[in-house]
PDB file of N, CA and C in Angstrom:
ATOM      1  N   MET A   1    -113.828 -47.255-262.294  1.00  0.00           N
ATOM      2  CA  MET A   1    -113.168 -47.562-260.972  1.00  0.00           C
ATOM      3  C   MET A   1    -113.816 -47.079-259.767  1.00  0.00           C
ATOM      4  N   THR A   2    -114.335 -47.392-258.660  1.00  0.00           N
ATOM      5  CA  THR A   2    -115.203 -47.186-257.618  1.00  0.00           C
ATOM      6  C   THR A   2    -114.688 -45.588-256.577  1.00  0.00           C
ATOM      7  N   ASP A   3    -115.100 -44.850-256.222  1.00  0.00           N
ATOM      8  CA  ASP A   3    -115.265 -43.681-255.477  1.00  0.00           C
ATOM      9  C   ASP A   3    -113.797 -44.635-254.281  1.00  0.00           C
ATOM     10  N   TYR A   4    -114.255 -45.553-253.856  1.00  0.00           N
ATOM     11  CA  TYR A   4    -113.263 -45.591-252.609  1.00  0.00           C
ATOM     12  C   TYR A   4    -111.987 -46.342-253.226  1.00  0.00           C
ATOM     13  N   GLN A   5    -112.084 -47.171-253.901  1.00  0.00           N
ATOM     14  CA  GLN A   5    -110.873 -47.524-254.550  1.00  0.00           C
ATOM     15  C   GLN A   5    -109.715 -46.454-255.326  1.00  0.00           C
ATOM     16  N   THR A   6    -110.502 -45.390-256.082  1.00  0.00           N
ATOM     17  CA  THR A   6    -109.836 -43.902-256.192  1.00  0.00           C
ATOM     18  C   THR A   6    -109.223 -43.638-254.887  1.00  0.00           C
ATOM     19  N   ALA A   7    -109.669 -43.558-253.772  1.00  0.00           N
ATOM     20  CA  ALA A   7    -109.349 -43.074-252.518  1.00  0.00           C
ATOM     21  C   ALA A   7    -107.832 -43.873-252.155  1.00  0.00           C
ATOM     22  N   ILE A   8    -108.314 -45.119-252.312  1.00  0.00           N
ATOM     23  CA  ILE A   8    -107.219 -46.394-251.554  1.00  0.00           C
ATOM     24  C   ILE A   8    -105.738 -45.908-252.195  1.00  0.00           C
ATOM     25  N   ASP A   9    -106.604 -45.859-253.700  1.00  0.00           N
ATOM     26  CA  ASP A   9    -104.886 -45.819-254.888  1.00  0.00           C
ATOM     27  C   ASP A   9    -104.085 -44.280-254.882  1.00  0.00           C
ATOM     28  N   GLN A  10    -104.658 -43.679-254.169  1.00  0.00           N
ATOM     29  CA  GLN A  10    -104.475 -42.059-254.307  1.00  0.00           C
ATOM     30  C   GLN A  10    -103.755 -42.138-252.985  1.00  0.00           C
ATOM     31  N   LEU A  11    -103.697 -42.832-251.973  1.00  0.00           N
ATOM     32  CA  LEU A  11    -103.312 -42.499-250.624  1.00  0.00           C
ATOM     33  C   LEU A  11    -101.820 -43.691-250.662  1.00  0.00           C
ATOM     34  N   SER A  12    -102.244 -45.027-251.457  1.00  0.00           N
ATOM     35  CA  SER A  12    -101.146 -45.563-251.501  1.00  0.00           C
ATOM     36  C   SER A  12    -100.259 -45.128-252.350  1.00  0.00           C
ATOM     37  N   LYS A  13    -100.551 -44.267-253.882  1.00  0.00           N
ATOM     38  CA  LYS A  13     -99.315 -43.712-254.354  1.00  0.00           C
ATOM     39  C   LYS A  13     -99.003 -42.475-253.257  1.00  0.00           C
ATOM     40  N   SER A  14     -99.556 -41.483-252.412  1.00  0.00           N
ATOM     41  CA  SER A  14     -99.038 -41.093-251.481  1.00  0.00           C
ATOM     42  C   SER A  14     -98.429 -41.019-250.761  1.00  0.00           C
ATOM     43  N   LEU A  15     -97.857 -42.233-249.852  1.00  0.00           N
ATOM     44  CA  LEU A  15     -97.419 -43.221-248.863  1.00  0.00           C
ATOM     45  C   LEU A  15     -95.898 -42.553-248.414  1.00  0.00           C
ATOM     46  N   ASP A  16     -95.041 -42.472-249.617  1.00  0.00           N
ATOM     47  CA  ASP A  16     -93.681 -42.156-249.762  1.00  0.00           C
ATOM     48  C   ASP A  16     -93.629 -40.485-249.635  1.00  0.00           C
ATOM     49  N   ARG A  17     -94.545 -40.001-249.973  1.00  0.00           N
ATOM     50  CA  ARG A  17     -94.649 -38.013-249.381  1.00  0.00           C
ATOM     51  C   ARG A  17     -94.779 -38.201-248.008  1.00  0.00           C
ATOM     52  N   ILE A  18     -95.307 -38.997-247.628  1.00  0.00           N
ATOM     53  CA  ILE A  18     -95.978 -38.518-246.266  1.00  0.00           C
ATOM     54  C   ILE A  18     -94.334 -38.614-245.125  1.00  0.00           C
ATOM     55  N   PRO A  19     -94.036 -37.948-244.429  1.00  0.00           N
ATOM     56  CA  PRO A  19     -93.140 -37.639-243.417  1.00  0.00           C
ATOM     57  C   PRO A  19     -93.360 -38.948-242.399  1.00  0.00           C
ATOM     58  N   ARG A  20     -92.069 -39.481-242.202  1.00  0.00           N
ATOM     59  CA  ARG A  20     -92.148 -40.670-241.321  1.00  0.00           C
ATOM     60  C   ARG A  20     -92.399 -40.388-239.671  1.00  0.00           C
ATOM     61  N   SER A  21     -92.662 -39.263-239.341  1.00  0.00           N
ATOM     62  CA  SER A  21     -92.648 -38.543-238.048  1.00  0.00           C
ATOM     63  C   SER A  21     -94.251 -38.754-238.338  1.00  0.00           C
ATOM     64  N   GLU A  22     -95.253 -38.438-239.531  1.00  0.00           N
ATOM     65  CA  GLU A  22     -96.545 -38.128-239.202  1.00  0.00           C
ATOM     66  C   GLU A  22     -97.568 -39.413-239.839  1.00  0.00           C
ATOM     67  N   LEU A  23     -96.667 -40.966-239.809  1.00  0.00           N
ATOM     68  CA  LEU A  23     -96.876 -42.185-240.193  1.00  0.00           C
ATOM     69  C   LEU A  23     -98.561 -42.364-238.859  1.00  0.00           C
ATOM     70  N   PRO A  24     -97.465 -41.940-237.742  1.00  0.00           N
ATOM     71  CA  PRO A  24     -98.750 -42.797-236.151  1.00  0.00           C
ATOM     72  C   PRO A  24     -99.860 -41.662-236.978  1.00  0.00           C
ATOM     73  N   VAL A  25    -100.038 -40.574-237.055  1.00  0.00           N
ATOM     74  CA  VAL A  25    -101.699 -39.671-237.446  1.00  0.00           C
ATOM     75  C   VAL A  25    -102.461 -40.640-238.835  1.00  0.00           C
ATOM     76  N   VAL A  26    -101.630 -40.733-239.516  1.00  0.00           N
ATOM     77  CA  VAL A  26    -102.429 -41.582-240.398  1.00  0.00           C
ATOM     78  C   VAL A  26    -102.369 -42.823-240.297  1.00  0.00           C
ATOM     79  N   LEU A  27    -101.780 -43.931-239.563  1.00  0.00           N
ATOM     80  CA  LEU A  27    -102.141 -44.906-238.540  1.00  0.00           C
ATOM     81  C   LEU A  27    -103.831 -44.573-237.997  1.00  0.00           C
ATOM     82  N   GLY A  28    -103.654 -43.657-237.264  1.00  0.00           N
ATOM     83  CA  GLY A  28    -104.545 -43.338-236.479  1.00  0.00           C
ATOM     84  C   GLY A  28    -105.748 -43.133-237.211  1.00  0.00           C
ATOM     85  N   GLU A  29    -105.904 -42.163-238.060  1.00  0.00           N
ATOM     86  CA  GLU A  29    -107.048 -41.918-239.158  1.00  0.00           C
ATOM     87  C   GLU A  29    -107.259 -43.142-239.684  1.00  0.00           C
ATOM     88  N   LEU A  30    -106.616 -43.843-240.336  1.00  0.00           N
ATOM     89  CA  LEU A  30    -106.872 -45.420-241.060  1.00  0.00           C
ATOM     90  C   LEU A  30    -107.775 -46.339-239.868  1.00  0.00           C
ATOM     91  N   GLU A  31    -107.117 -46.276-238.503  1.00  0.00           N
ATOM     92  CA  GLU A  31    -107.824 -47.075-237.695  1.00  0.00           C
ATOM     93  C   GLU A  31    -109.545 -46.180-237.078  1.00  0.00           C
ATOM     94  N   ARG A  32    -109.406 -45.088-237.693  1.00  0.00           N
ATOM     95  CA  ARG A  32    -110.853 -44.318-237.119  1.00  0.00           C
ATOM     96  C   ARG A  32    -111.954 -44.660-238.172  1.00  0.00           C
ATOM     97  N   ILE A  33    -111.316 -44.600-239.179  1.00  0.00           N
ATOM     98  CA  ILE A  33    -112.053 -45.083-240.623  1.00  0.00           C
ATOM     99  C   ILE A  33    -112.625 -46.294-240.613  1.00  0.00           C
ATOM    100  N   LYS A  34    -111.596 -47.123-240.322  1.00  0.00           N
ATOM    101  CA  LYS A  34    -112.019 -48.617-239.983  1.00  0.00           C
ATOM    102  C   LYS A  34    -112.988 -48.739-239.405  1.00  0.00           C
ATOM    103  N   ALA A  35    -113.000 -47.961-238.428  1.00  0.00           N
ATOM    104  CA  ALA A  35    -114.156 -48.376-237.186  1.00  0.00           C
ATOM    105  C   ALA A  35    -114.922 -48.071-237.454  1.00  0.00           C
ATOM    106  N   VAL A  36    -115.601 -46.947-238.826  1.00  0.00           N
ATOM    107  CA  VAL A  36    -116.452 -46.143-239.040  1.00  0.00           C
ATOM    108  C   VAL A  36    -117.398 -46.892-240.199  1.00  0.00           C
ATOM    109  N   ILE A  37    -116.295 -47.731-240.553  1.00  0.00           N
ATOM    110  CA  ILE A  37    -117.097 -48.876-241.856  1.00  0.00           C
ATOM    111  C   ILE A  37    -117.701 -49.993-241.325  1.00  0.00           C
ATOM    112  N   TRP A  38    -116.962 -50.298-240.040  1.00  0.00           N
ATOM    113  CA  TRP A  38    -117.521 -51.379-239.209  1.00  0.00           C
ATOM    114  C   TRP A  38    -118.856 -51.079-239.098  1.00  0.00           C
ATOM    115  N   ALA A  39    -118.743 -49.755-238.200  1.00  0.00           N
ATOM    116  CA  ALA A  39    -120.148 -49.330-237.511  1.00  0.00           C
ATOM    117  C   ALA A  39    -120.957 -49.179-238.766  1.00  0.00           C
ATOM    118  N   GLU A  40    -120.692 -49.114-240.073  1.00  0.00           N
ATOM    119  CA  GLU A  40    -121.825 -48.733-241.274  1.00  0.00           C
ATOM    120  C   GLU A  40    -122.095 -49.873-240.949  1.00  0.00           C
ATOM    121  N   PHE A  41    -121.302 -51.227-241.556  1.00  0.00           N
ATOM    122  CA  PHE A  41    -121.651 -52.363-241.796  1.00  0.00           C
ATOM    123  C   PHE A  41    -122.430 -53.120-240.642  1.00  0.00           C
ATOM    124  N   MET A  42    -122.033 -52.580-239.606  1.00  0.00           N
ATOM    125  CA  MET A  42    -122.729 -53.955-238.496  1.00  0.00           C
ATOM    126  C   MET A  42    -124.732 -53.322-238.290  1.00  0.00           C
ATOM    127  N   THR A  43    -124.620 -51.960-238.914  1.00  0.00           N
ATOM    128  CA  THR A  43    -125.785 -51.076-238.268  1.00  0.00           C
ATOM    129  C   THR A  43    -126.689 -51.617-238.999  1.00  0.00           C
ATOM    130  N   THR A  44    -128.273 -51.876-238.940  1.00  0.00           N
ATOM    131  CA  THR A  44    -129.045 -52.059-239.734  1.00  0.00           C
ATOM    132  C   THR A  44    -129.992 -50.974-240.046  1.00  0.00           C
ATOM    133  N   GLU A  45    -130.167 -51.003-241.334  1.00  0.00           N
ATOM    134  CA  GLU A  45    -130.557 -50.093-242.274  1.00  0.00           C
ATOM    135  C   GLU A  45    -131.889 -49.855-241.890  1.00  0.00           C
ATOM    136  N   LYS A  46    -132.453 -48.650-241.532  1.00  0.00           N
ATOM    137  CA  LYS A  46    -134.067 -47.819-240.997  1.00  0.00           C
ATOM    138  C   LYS A  46    -134.678 -48.524-242.495  1.00  0.00           C
ATOM    139  N   GLY A  47    -135.862 -49.242-241.318  1.00  0.00           N
ATOM    140  CA  GLY A  47    -136.744 -50.185-242.157  1.00  0.00           C
ATOM    141  C   GLY A  47    -136.469 -51.611-241.971  1.00  0.00           C
ATOM    142  N   GLN A  48    -135.300 -52.190-241.943  1.00  0.00           N
ATOM    143  CA  GLN A  48    -134.622 -53.017-242.229  1.00  0.00           C
ATOM    144  C   GLN A  48    -134.299 -53.840-241.130  1.00  0.00           C
ATOM    145  N   PRO A  49    -135.154 -53.573-239.866  1.00  0.00           N
ATOM    146  CA  PRO A  49    -134.828 -54.472-238.501  1.00  0.00           C
ATOM    147  C   PRO A  49    -133.907 -55.893-238.118  1.00  0.00           C
ATOM    148  N   ASP A  50    -134.898 -56.934-239.471  1.00  0.00           N
ATOM    149  CA  ASP A  50    -134.452 -58.202-239.692  1.00  0.00           C
ATOM    150  C   ASP A  50    -133.113 -58.634-240.086  1.00  0.00           C
ATOM    151  N   GLU A  51    -132.411 -57.717-240.411  1.00  0.00           N
ATOM    152  CA  GLU A  51    -130.700 -57.671-241.361  1.00  0.00           C
ATOM    153  C   GLU A  51    -129.877 -57.409-240.381  1.00  0.00           C
ATOM    154  N   ALA A  52    -130.395 -57.434-238.820  1.00  0.00           N
ATOM    155  CA  ALA A  52    -129.018 -57.587-238.524  1.00  0.00           C
ATOM    156  C   ALA A  52    -128.755 -59.207-237.949  1.00  0.00           C
ATOM    157  N   LEU A  53    -127.207 -59.241-238.286  1.00  0.00           N
ATOM    158  CA  LEU A  53    -126.486 -60.190-238.298  1.00  0.00           C
ATOM    159  C   LEU A  53    -126.912 -61.602-237.179  1.00  0.00           C
ATOM    160  N   LEU A  54    -127.262 -62.078-237.666  1.00  0.00           N
ATOM    161  CA  LEU A  54    -127.417 -63.268-236.404  1.00  0.00           C
ATOM    162  C   LEU A  54    -125.790 -64.061-236.007  1.00  0.00           C
ATOM    163  N   ASP A  55    -125.986 -64.235-234.243  1.00  0.00           N
ATOM    164  CA  ASP A  55    -124.812 -65.336-234.014  1.00  0.00           C
ATOM    165  C   ASP A  55    -124.703 -66.535-234.356  1.00  0.00           C
ATOM    166  N   MET A  56    -123.977 -67.445-234.076  1.00  0.00           N
ATOM    167  CA  MET A  56    -124.147 -68.766-234.381  1.00  0.00           C
ATOM    168  C   MET A  56    -124.664 -69.456-233.481  1.00  0.00           C
ATOM    169  N   SER A  57    -125.058 -69.233-232.259  1.00  0.00           N
ATOM    170  CA  SER A  57    -126.135 -69.684-231.629  1.00  0.00           C
ATOM    171  C   SER A  57    -127.603 -69.139-231.922  1.00  0.00           C
ATOM    172  N   ASP A  58    -127.838 -68.160-232.579  1.00  0.00           N
ATOM    173  CA  ASP A  58    -129.053 -68.154-233.097  1.00  0.00           C
ATOM    174  C   ASP A  58    -129.484 -69.262-234.708  1.00  0.00           C
ATOM    175  N   VAL A  59    -128.853 -68.682-235.521  1.00  0.00           N
ATOM    176  CA  VAL A  59    -128.395 -69.785-236.140  1.00  0.00           C
ATOM    177  C   VAL A  59    -128.692 -71.190-235.948  1.00  0.00           C
ATOM    178  N   ALA A  60    -128.018 -71.483-234.878  1.00  0.00           N
ATOM    179  CA  ALA A  60    -128.371 -72.569-234.840  1.00  0.00           C
ATOM    180  C   ALA A  60    -129.696 -73.678-234.527  1.00  0.00           C
ATOM    181  N   LEU A  61    -130.599 -72.387-233.666  1.00  0.00           N
ATOM    182  CA  LEU A  61    -131.209 -72.584-232.834  1.00  0.00           C
ATOM    183  C   LEU A  61    -132.347 -72.004-233.655  1.00  0.00           C
ATOM    184  N   ARG A  62    -132.320 -71.643-234.665  1.00  0.00           N
ATOM    185  CA  ARG A  62    -133.170 -71.379-235.924  1.00  0.00           C
ATOM    186  C   ARG A  62    -133.438 -72.342-236.922  1.00  0.00           C
ATOM    187  N   LEU A  63    -132.210 -73.169-237.119  1.00  0.00           N
ATOM    188  CA  LEU A  63    -132.344 -74.301-237.993  1.00  0.00           C
ATOM    189  C   LEU A  63    -132.444 -75.625-236.756  1.00  0.00           C
ATOM    190  N   ASN A  64    -132.256 -75.679-235.412  1.00  0.00           N
ATOM    191  CA  ASN A  64    -132.743 -76.381-234.824  1.00  0.00           C
ATOM    192  C   ASN A  64    -131.708 -77.648-234.561  1.00  0.00           C
ATOM    193  N   ILE A  65    -130.450 -76.941-235.012  1.00  0.00           N
ATOM    194  CA  ILE A  65    -129.260 -77.742-235.029  1.00  0.00           C
ATOM    195  C   ILE A  65    -128.068 -77.783-233.795  1.00  0.00           C
ATOM    196  N   PRO A  66    -127.104 -78.540-233.822  1.00  0.00           N
ATOM    197  CA  PRO A  66    -126.607 -77.899-232.600  1.00  0.00           C
ATOM    198  C   PRO A  66    -125.209 -77.442-233.116  1.00  0.00           C
ATOM    199  N   LEU A  67    -124.928 -76.050-232.588  1.00  0.00           N
ATOM    200  CA  LEU A  67    -124.066 -74.740-232.470  1.00  0.00           C
ATOM    201  C   LEU A  67    -122.407 -75.688-233.362  1.00  0.00           C
ATOM    202  N   SER A  68    -121.619 -76.058-232.832  1.00  0.00           N
ATOM    203  CA  SER A  68    -120.800 -77.097-233.953  1.00  0.00           C
ATOM    204  C   SER A  68    -121.155 -77.282-234.727  1.00  0.00           C
ATOM    205  N   ARG A  69    -122.504 -77.820-235.270  1.00  0.00           N
ATOM    206  CA  ARG A  69    -123.318 -78.273-236.691  1.00  0.00           C
ATOM    207  C   ARG A  69    -123.067 -76.731-237.499  1.00  0.00           C
ATOM    208  N   ALA A  70    -123.740 -75.875-236.861  1.00  0.00           N
ATOM    209  CA  ALA A  70    -124.117 -74.979-237.728  1.00  0.00           C
ATOM    210  C   ALA A  70    -122.877 -74.128-238.181  1.00  0.00           C
ATOM    211  N   TYR A  71    -121.570 -73.635-237.095  1.00  0.00           N
ATOM    212  CA  TYR A  71    -120.639 -73.775-237.349  1.00  0.00           C
ATOM    213  C   TYR A  71    -119.469 -74.074-238.884  1.00  0.00           C
ATOM    214  N   GLU A  72    -120.092 -76.004-238.594  1.00  0.00           N
ATOM    215  CA  GLU A  72    -119.174 -76.634-239.540  1.00  0.00           C
ATOM    216  C   GLU A  72    -120.251 -75.957-241.127  1.00  0.00           C
ATOM    217  N   LEU A  73    -121.128 -75.788-241.027  1.00  0.00           N
ATOM    218  CA  LEU A  73    -122.210 -75.551-242.420  1.00  0.00           C
ATOM    219  C   LEU A  73    -121.714 -74.085-243.016  1.00  0.00           C
ATOM    220  N   VAL A  74    -120.630 -73.245-241.973  1.00  0.00           N
ATOM    221  CA  VAL A  74    -120.348 -72.281-242.865  1.00  0.00           C
ATOM    222  C   VAL A  74    -118.797 -72.705-243.313  1.00  0.00           C
ATOM    223  N   ARG A  75    -118.009 -73.231-242.638  1.00  0.00           N
ATOM    224  CA  ARG A  75    -116.588 -73.898-242.803  1.00  0.00           C
ATOM    225  C   ARG A  75    -116.797 -74.843-244.269  1.00  0.00           C
ATOM    226  N   GLN A  76    -118.218 -75.055-243.981  1.00  0.00           N
ATOM    227  CA  GLN A  76    -118.034 -76.183-245.427  1.00  0.00           C
ATOM    228  C   GLN A  76    -118.079 -75.006-246.589  1.00  0.00           C
ATOM    229  N   GLY A  77    -118.764 -74.420-246.803  1.00  0.00           N
ATOM    230  CA  GLY A  77    -119.401 -73.195-247.636  1.00  0.00           C
ATOM    231  C   GLY A  77    -120.604 -73.307-248.005  1.00  0.00           C
ATOM    232  N   LYS A  78    -121.384 -74.232-247.425  1.00  0.00           N
ATOM    233  CA  LYS A  78    -123.114 -74.334-247.597  1.00  0.00           C
ATOM    234  C   LYS A  78    -123.877 -73.435-247.355  1.00  0.00           C
ATOM    235  N   LEU A  79    -123.521 -72.567-246.110  1.00  0.00           N
ATOM    236  CA  LEU A  79    -123.839 -71.473-245.259  1.00  0.00           C
ATOM    237  C   LEU A  79    -123.224 -70.641-245.361  1.00  0.00           C
ATOM    238  N   ARG A  80    -123.692 -69.196-245.901  1.00  0.00           N
ATOM    239  CA  ARG A  80    -122.475 -67.798-246.174  1.00  0.00           C
ATOM    240  C   ARG A  80    -122.324 -67.410-245.197  1.00  0.00           C
ATOM    241  N   GLY A  81    -121.455 -67.225-244.244  1.00  0.00           N
ATOM    242  CA  GLY A  81    -120.971 -66.608-242.926  1.00  0.00           C
ATOM    243  C   GLY A  81    -120.135 -65.535-243.268  1.00  0.00           C
ATOM    244  N   VAL A  82    -120.461 -64.373-242.029  1.00  0.00           N
ATOM    245  CA  VAL A  82    -119.398 -63.408-242.685  1.00  0.00           C
ATOM    246  C   VAL A  82    -118.498 -62.983-241.372  1.00  0.00           C
ATOM    247  N   ARG A  83    -117.216 -62.798-241.716  1.00  0.00           N
ATOM    248  CA  ARG A  83    -116.528 -63.096-239.727  1.00  0.00           C
ATOM    249  C   ARG A  83    -116.154 -61.952-239.891  1.00  0.00           C
ATOM    250  N   VAL A  84    -116.631 -61.068-238.492  1.00  0.00           N
ATOM    251  CA  VAL A  84    -116.492 -60.298-237.610  1.00  0.00           C
ATOM    252  C   VAL A  84    -115.073 -60.371-236.751  1.00  0.00           C
ATOM    253  N   GLY A  85    -113.681 -60.220-237.200  1.00  0.00           N
ATOM    254  CA  GLY A  85    -112.486 -60.339-235.874  1.00  0.00           C
ATOM    255  C   GLY A  85    -113.456 -61.626-236.002  1.00  0.00           C
ATOM    256  N   LYS A  86    -112.916 -62.011-234.829  1.00  0.00           N
ATOM    257  CA  LYS A  86    -112.977 -63.666-234.734  1.00  0.00           C
ATOM    258  C   LYS A  86    -114.250 -64.465-234.412  1.00  0.00           C
ATOM    259  N   TYR A  87    -115.294 -63.644-234.728  1.00  0.00           N
ATOM    260  CA  TYR A  87    -116.729 -63.995-234.366  1.00  0.00           C
ATOM    261  C   TYR A  87    -117.485 -64.267-236.065  1.00  0.00           C
ATOM    262  N   VAL A  88    -118.497 -64.964-236.082  1.00  0.00           N
ATOM    263  CA  VAL A  88    -119.220 -65.501-237.405  1.00  0.00           C
ATOM    264  C   VAL A  88    -120.306 -65.180-237.558  1.00  0.00           C
ATOM    265  N   ARG A  89    -120.955 -64.782-238.115  1.00  0.00           N
ATOM    266  CA  ARG A  89    -122.171 -64.091-238.347  1.00  0.00           C
ATOM    267  C   ARG A  89    -122.706 -64.556-239.430  1.00  0.00           C
ATOM    268  N   VAL A  90    -124.179 -64.540-239.032  1.00  0.00           N
ATOM    269  CA  VAL A  90    -124.930 -64.892-240.733  1.00  0.00           C
ATOM    270  C   VAL A  90    -126.100 -63.656-241.141  1.00  0.00           C
ATOM    271  N   LEU A  91    -126.541 -63.473-242.186  1.00  0.00           N
ATOM    272  CA  LEU A  91    -126.871 -62.389-242.526  1.00  0.00           C
ATOM    273  C   LEU A  91    -128.853 -63.359-242.907  1.00  0.00           C
ATOM    274  N   PRO A  92    -129.608 -62.597-241.570  1.00  0.00           N
ATOM    275  CA  PRO A  92    -130.940 -63.128-241.743  1.00  0.00           C
ATOM    276  C   PRO A  92    -131.416 -63.872-242.914  1.00  0.00           C
ATOM    277  N   THR A  93    -131.256 -62.938-244.227  1.00  0.00           N
ATOM    278  CA  THR A  93    -131.495 -62.890-245.776  1.00  0.00           C
ATOM    279  C   THR A  93    -130.777 -64.246-246.597  1.00  0.00           C
ATOM    280  N   VAL A  94    -129.513 -64.591-246.071  1.00  0.00           N
ATOM    281  CA  VAL A  94    -128.669 -65.715-245.963  1.00  0.00           C
ATOM    282  C   VAL A  94    -129.181 -67.528-245.567  1.00  0.00           C
ATOM    283  N   LEU A  95    -129.556 -67.088-244.630  1.00  0.00           N
ATOM    284  CA  LEU A  95    -130.038 -68.512-243.322  1.00  0.00           C
ATOM    285  C   LEU A  95    -131.636 -68.452-244.495  1.00  0.00           C
ATOM    286  N   LYS A  96    -132.400 -67.464-244.570  1.00  0.00           N
ATOM    287  CA  LYS A  96    -133.599 -67.900-245.502  1.00  0.00           C
ATOM    288  C   LYS A  96    -133.727 -68.871-246.230  1.00  0.00           C
ATOM    289  N   GLU A  97    -132.460 -68.197-247.349  1.00  0.00           N
ATOM    290  CA  GLU A  97    -132.412 -68.612-249.104  1.00  0.00           C
ATOM    291  C   GLU A  97    -131.641 -70.482-248.589  1.00  0.00           C
ATOM    292  N   TYR A  98    -131.020 -70.346-247.354  1.00  0.00           N
ATOM    293  CA  TYR A  98    -130.037 -71.545-247.173  1.00  0.00           C
ATOM    294  C   TYR A  98    -131.277 -72.603-246.527  1.00  0.00           C
ATOM    295  N   GLN A  99    -132.256 -72.139-246.052  1.00  0.00           N
ATOM    296  CA  GLN A  99    -133.375 -73.192-245.224  1.00  0.00           C
ATOM    297  C   GLN A  99    -134.484 -72.697-246.637  1.00  0.00           C
ATOM    298  N   ALA A 100    -134.458 -72.551-247.349  1.00  0.00           N
ATOM    299  CA  ALA A 100    -135.436 -72.817-248.618  1.00  0.00           C
ATOM    300  C   ALA A 100    -134.869 -73.896-249.788  1.00  0.00           C
ATOM    301  N   SER A 101    -133.528 -73.687-249.637  1.00  0.00           N
ATOM    302  CA  SER A 101    -132.227 -74.835-250.290  1.00  0.00           C
ATOM    303  C   SER A 101    -132.854 -75.974-249.716  1.00  0.00           C
ATOM    304  N   LEU A 102    -133.007 -76.154-248.627  1.00  0.00           N
ATOM    305  CA  LEU A 102    -133.597 -76.975-247.819  1.00  0.00           C
ATOM    306  C   LEU A 102    -134.522 -78.023-248.447  1.00  0.00           C
ATOM    307  N   ALA A 103    -135.282 -76.781-248.122  1.00  0.00           N
ATOM    308  CA  ALA A 103    -136.878 -77.725-248.705  1.00  0.00           C
ATOM    309  C   ALA A 103    -137.308 -77.984-250.014  1.00  0.00           C
ATOM    310  N   THR A 104    -136.580 -77.924-251.064  1.00  0.00           N
ATOM    311  CA  THR A 104    -136.457 -77.891-252.357  1.00  0.00           C
ATOM    312  C   THR A 104    -135.170 -79.313-252.743  1.00  0.00           C
ATOM    313  N   ALA A 105    -134.599 -79.694-251.830  1.00  0.00           N
ATOM    314  CA  ALA A 105    -133.523 -80.387-251.968  1.00  0.00           C
ATOM    315  C   ALA A 105    -134.125 -81.868-251.627  1.00  0.00           C
TER     316      ALA A 105
END
């Protein structure tokens, strides 16, 4: 079991011991942690500037296809996308893999 799974399990098991009046504080902290995790996820690592998530207009442009077709590729599972709220994003490495698969098809 990973560290984060252990932490989540411990929190889940202790929920019934948290006073009801403290639940808004706990929810606020969970939202803060969620924001930190999303920020970490969306931030590119040092030395890897090309790993920033691409929006679908960038994907369509790089594939030279209409935007609607780019979304369709993700919906069909032919191109792996990442949902960020209501937005769909694609990692550049995933797009390169997809392009390479087209060349061999």
